[in-house]
Amino acid sequence: MHLVWEGSFYVFIVLAAIVWIKAGVLLKENPRSRNVALNVN
């Protein structure tokens, strides 16, 4: 059971990293979207 949880944890970390990288690329490509996101938050 520990191995299953550990595997899921690493999968979550990888997915989170991919999302952060994609978000960073989108923010660099479109400053307008970044400003909108900041205003929403």
C-alpha atoms as a PDB file:
ATOM      1  CA  MET A   1       0.000   0.000   0.000  1.00  0.00           C
ATOM      2  CA  HIS A   2       2.891   2.323   0.755  1.00  0.00           C
ATOM      3  CA  LEU A   3       4.347   1.797  -2.711  1.00  0.00           C
ATOM      4  CA  VAL A   4       1.018   2.624  -4.348  1.00  0.00           C
ATOM      5  CA  TRP A   5       0.704   5.865  -2.380  1.00  0.00           C
ATOM      6  CA  GLU A   6       4.309   6.786  -3.147  1.00  0.00           C
ATOM      7  CA  GLY A   7       3.758   6.180  -6.861  1.00  0.00           C
ATOM      8  CA  SER A   8       0.622   8.327  -6.878  1.00  0.00           C
ATOM      9  CA  PHE A   9       2.505  11.069  -5.051  1.00  0.00           C
ATOM     10  CA  TYR A  10       5.235  11.147  -7.697  1.00  0.00           C
ATOM     11  CA  VAL A  11       2.644  11.153 -10.497  1.00  0.00           C
ATOM     12  CA  PHE A  12       0.971  14.145  -8.836  1.00  0.00           C
ATOM     13  CA  ILE A  13       4.313  15.976  -8.599  1.00  0.00           C
ATOM     14  CA  VAL A  14       5.058  15.339 -12.294  1.00  0.00           C
ATOM     15  CA  LEU A  15       1.606  16.552 -13.368  1.00  0.00           C
ATOM     16  CA  ALA A  16       1.934  19.651 -11.174  1.00  0.00           C
ATOM     17  CA  ALA A  17       5.357  20.409 -12.692  1.00  0.00           C
ATOM     18  CA  ILE A  18       3.952  20.093 -16.223  1.00  0.00           C
ATOM     19  CA  VAL A  19       1.079  22.441 -15.377  1.00  0.00           C
ATOM     20  CA  TRP A  20       3.467  25.023 -13.870  1.00  0.00           C
ATOM     21  CA  ILE A  21       5.751  24.845 -16.926  1.00  0.00           C
ATOM     22  CA  LYS A  22       2.831  25.247 -19.349  1.00  0.00           C
ATOM     23  CA  ALA A  23       1.454  28.131 -17.278  1.00  0.00           C
ATOM     24  CA  GLY A  24       4.863  29.824 -17.306  1.00  0.00           C
ATOM     25  CA  VAL A  25       5.143  29.496 -21.085  1.00  0.00           C
ATOM     26  CA  LEU A  26       1.632  30.869 -21.606  1.00  0.00           C
ATOM     27  CA  LEU A  27       2.314  33.815 -19.286  1.00  0.00           C
ATOM     28  CA  LYS A  28       5.530  34.670 -21.146  1.00  0.00           C
ATOM     29  CA  GLU A  29       3.812  34.426 -24.535  1.00  0.00           C
ATOM     30  CA  ASN A  30       0.751  36.467 -23.554  1.00  0.00           C
ATOM     31  CA  PRO A  31       1.346  39.232 -20.963  1.00  0.00           C
ATOM     32  CA  ARG A  32      -2.319  40.305 -21.255  1.00  0.00           C
ATOM     33  CA  SER A  33      -3.471  36.940 -19.865  1.00  0.00           C
ATOM     34  CA  ARG A  34      -1.015  37.321 -16.992  1.00  0.00           C
ATOM     35  CA  ASN A  35      -2.504  40.707 -16.044  1.00  0.00           C
ATOM     36  CA  VAL A  36      -6.039  39.297 -16.162  1.00  0.00           C
ATOM     37  CA  ALA A  37      -5.012  36.351 -13.946  1.00  0.00           C
ATOM     38  CA  LEU A  38      -3.418  38.708 -11.418  1.00  0.00           C
ATOM     39  CA  ASN A  39      -6.572  40.827 -11.311  1.00  0.00           C
ATOM     40  CA  VAL A  40      -8.781  37.761 -10.807  1.00  0.00           C
ATOM     41  CA  ASN A  41      -6.605  36.470  -7.961  1.00  0.00           C
END
